[in-house]
Amino acid sequence: MLDRTHRFHGLGSLRFAYSRGQTVRGPLMSLKYIRNQRRHDWRAAVVVSRKVHKSAVVRNRIRRRIFEIIRTELADFAEPFDLVFIVYSDQLAMASSNELHSRVVAHLQSAGVLKP
């Protein structure tokens, strides 16, 4: 679980990332990111729509797995960013942890969020 300071609070903060953020796309998920000048810490959200899977259990499993990868990589973040992962496929629920980790880290590296 992410600390409270690293989570989004309210729809307005997500709207800022959606409207002004840049996007890194992949076949199963995308990442919207923007550097936030007003904050000292990074924030992250994982959006899994009901269109991805009808079961809340599966959607929450995908969220928890991605949040855990972000939490383990938090020491490597370069600057305070707002990160929004948008999941397109329920294949991430059954993907191996190494495969999911490599996908998430690849998105973060191509966005320039992780330190080189």
Protein backbone atom coordinates (compact mmCIF):
# COMPACT_ATOMS: atom_id res chain seq x y z
CA MET A 1 0.00 0.00 0.00
CA LEU A 2 1.24 3.44 -0.85
CA ASP A 3 1.63 6.08 1.81
CA ARG A 4 -1.07 8.75 1.91
CA THR A 5 1.32 11.40 0.58
CA HIS A 6 1.85 9.37 -2.60
CA ARG A 7 -1.83 8.97 -3.49
CA PHE A 8 -4.17 11.30 -5.38
CA HIS A 9 -7.01 12.96 -3.46
CA GLY A 10 -10.00 14.26 -5.36
CA LEU A 11 -10.99 14.28 -8.99
CA GLY A 12 -9.40 17.66 -9.68
CA SER A 13 -5.88 16.39 -9.21
CA LEU A 14 -6.45 13.53 -11.66
CA ARG A 15 -7.98 15.96 -14.12
CA PHE A 16 -4.75 18.00 -14.08
CA ALA A 17 -2.70 14.93 -15.04
CA TYR A 18 -5.21 13.87 -17.71
CA SER A 19 -5.43 17.26 -19.39
CA ARG A 20 -1.80 18.41 -19.31
CA GLY A 21 0.15 15.18 -18.96
CA GLN A 22 2.16 13.38 -21.60
CA THR A 23 1.42 9.77 -22.49
CA VAL A 24 3.48 6.61 -22.88
CA ARG A 25 1.39 3.90 -24.51
CA GLY A 26 1.73 0.16 -24.51
CA PRO A 27 -0.50 -2.69 -25.68
CA LEU A 28 -1.92 -3.47 -22.21
CA MET A 29 -1.66 -0.13 -20.39
CA SER A 30 -0.57 3.47 -20.72
CA LEU A 31 1.05 6.00 -18.42
CA LYS A 32 0.08 9.65 -18.17
CA TYR A 33 2.73 11.69 -16.39
CA ILE A 34 3.51 15.29 -15.64
CA ARG A 35 6.08 16.97 -13.44
CA ASN A 36 4.33 18.71 -10.57
CA GLN A 37 6.10 21.92 -9.54
CA ARG A 38 3.87 22.44 -6.50
CA ARG A 39 4.70 19.19 -4.72
CA HIS A 40 7.81 17.74 -3.14
CA ASP A 41 6.73 14.10 -3.49
CA TRP A 42 5.42 12.03 -6.36
CA ARG A 43 1.84 10.77 -6.58
CA ALA A 44 0.47 7.72 -8.37
CA ALA A 45 -2.91 6.35 -9.38
CA VAL A 46 -3.95 3.19 -11.21
CA VAL A 47 -7.19 3.37 -13.20
CA VAL A 48 -8.82 0.06 -14.12
CA SER A 49 -12.18 0.51 -15.79
CA ARG A 50 -15.12 -1.81 -15.43
CA LYS A 51 -14.79 -2.43 -19.16
CA VAL A 52 -11.49 -4.19 -18.44
CA HIS A 53 -13.13 -6.79 -16.20
CA LYS A 54 -16.53 -6.99 -14.55
CA SER A 55 -15.20 -8.43 -11.30
CA ALA A 56 -13.99 -5.93 -8.73
CA VAL A 57 -11.71 -8.62 -7.31
CA VAL A 58 -9.74 -8.82 -10.57
CA ARG A 59 -9.63 -5.04 -11.01
CA ASN A 60 -8.32 -4.59 -7.46
CA ARG A 61 -5.72 -7.35 -7.97
CA ILE A 62 -4.37 -5.46 -10.99
CA ARG A 63 -4.28 -2.21 -8.98
CA ARG A 64 -2.50 -3.79 -6.02
CA ARG A 65 0.12 -5.46 -8.22
CA ILE A 66 0.96 -2.21 -10.04
CA PHE A 67 1.00 -0.19 -6.79
CA GLU A 68 3.43 -2.70 -5.27
CA ILE A 69 5.84 -2.32 -8.20
CA ILE A 70 5.63 1.47 -7.93
CA ARG A 71 6.27 1.26 -4.18
CA THR A 72 9.41 -0.85 -4.68
CA GLU A 73 10.75 1.59 -7.29
CA LEU A 74 9.98 4.76 -5.33
CA ALA A 75 13.58 5.41 -4.32
CA ASP A 76 14.53 5.71 -7.98
CA PHE A 77 12.14 8.54 -8.90
CA ALA A 78 14.04 11.54 -10.24
CA GLU A 79 11.61 14.39 -9.45
CA PRO A 80 8.08 14.90 -8.11
CA PHE A 81 5.78 13.53 -10.80
CA ASP A 82 2.08 12.83 -11.04
CA LEU A 83 1.67 9.33 -12.51
CA VAL A 84 -1.57 7.79 -13.75
CA PHE A 85 -1.48 4.22 -15.05
CA ILE A 86 -4.49 3.38 -17.25
CA VAL A 87 -5.03 -0.36 -17.74
CA TYR A 88 -6.62 -1.65 -20.97
CA SER A 89 -6.52 -5.41 -20.53
CA ASP A 90 -7.25 -7.96 -17.83
CA GLN A 91 -4.20 -9.96 -18.97
CA LEU A 92 -2.20 -8.06 -16.36
CA ALA A 93 -4.05 -9.92 -13.60
CA MET A 94 -2.62 -13.25 -14.77
CA ALA A 95 0.76 -12.00 -16.01
CA SER A 96 3.84 -13.17 -14.18
CA SER A 97 5.30 -10.73 -11.70
CA ASN A 98 8.53 -10.41 -13.70
CA GLU A 99 6.64 -9.58 -16.89
CA LEU A 100 4.43 -7.00 -15.14
CA HIS A 101 7.44 -5.48 -13.38
CA SER A 102 9.33 -5.12 -16.66
CA ARG A 103 6.30 -3.49 -18.35
CA VAL A 104 5.79 -0.95 -15.56
CA VAL A 105 9.49 -0.11 -15.30
CA ALA A 106 9.74 0.24 -19.09
CA HIS A 107 6.89 2.76 -19.04
CA LEU A 108 8.53 4.69 -16.21
CA GLN A 109 11.92 4.71 -17.97
CA SER A 110 10.51 5.86 -21.30
CA ALA A 111 8.71 8.66 -19.47
CA GLY A 112 11.96 9.75 -17.82
CA VAL A 113 10.55 9.35 -14.33
CA LEU A 114 13.23 6.96 -13.03
CA LYS A 115 16.78 8.08 -12.42
CA PRO A 116 19.19 6.87 -15.12
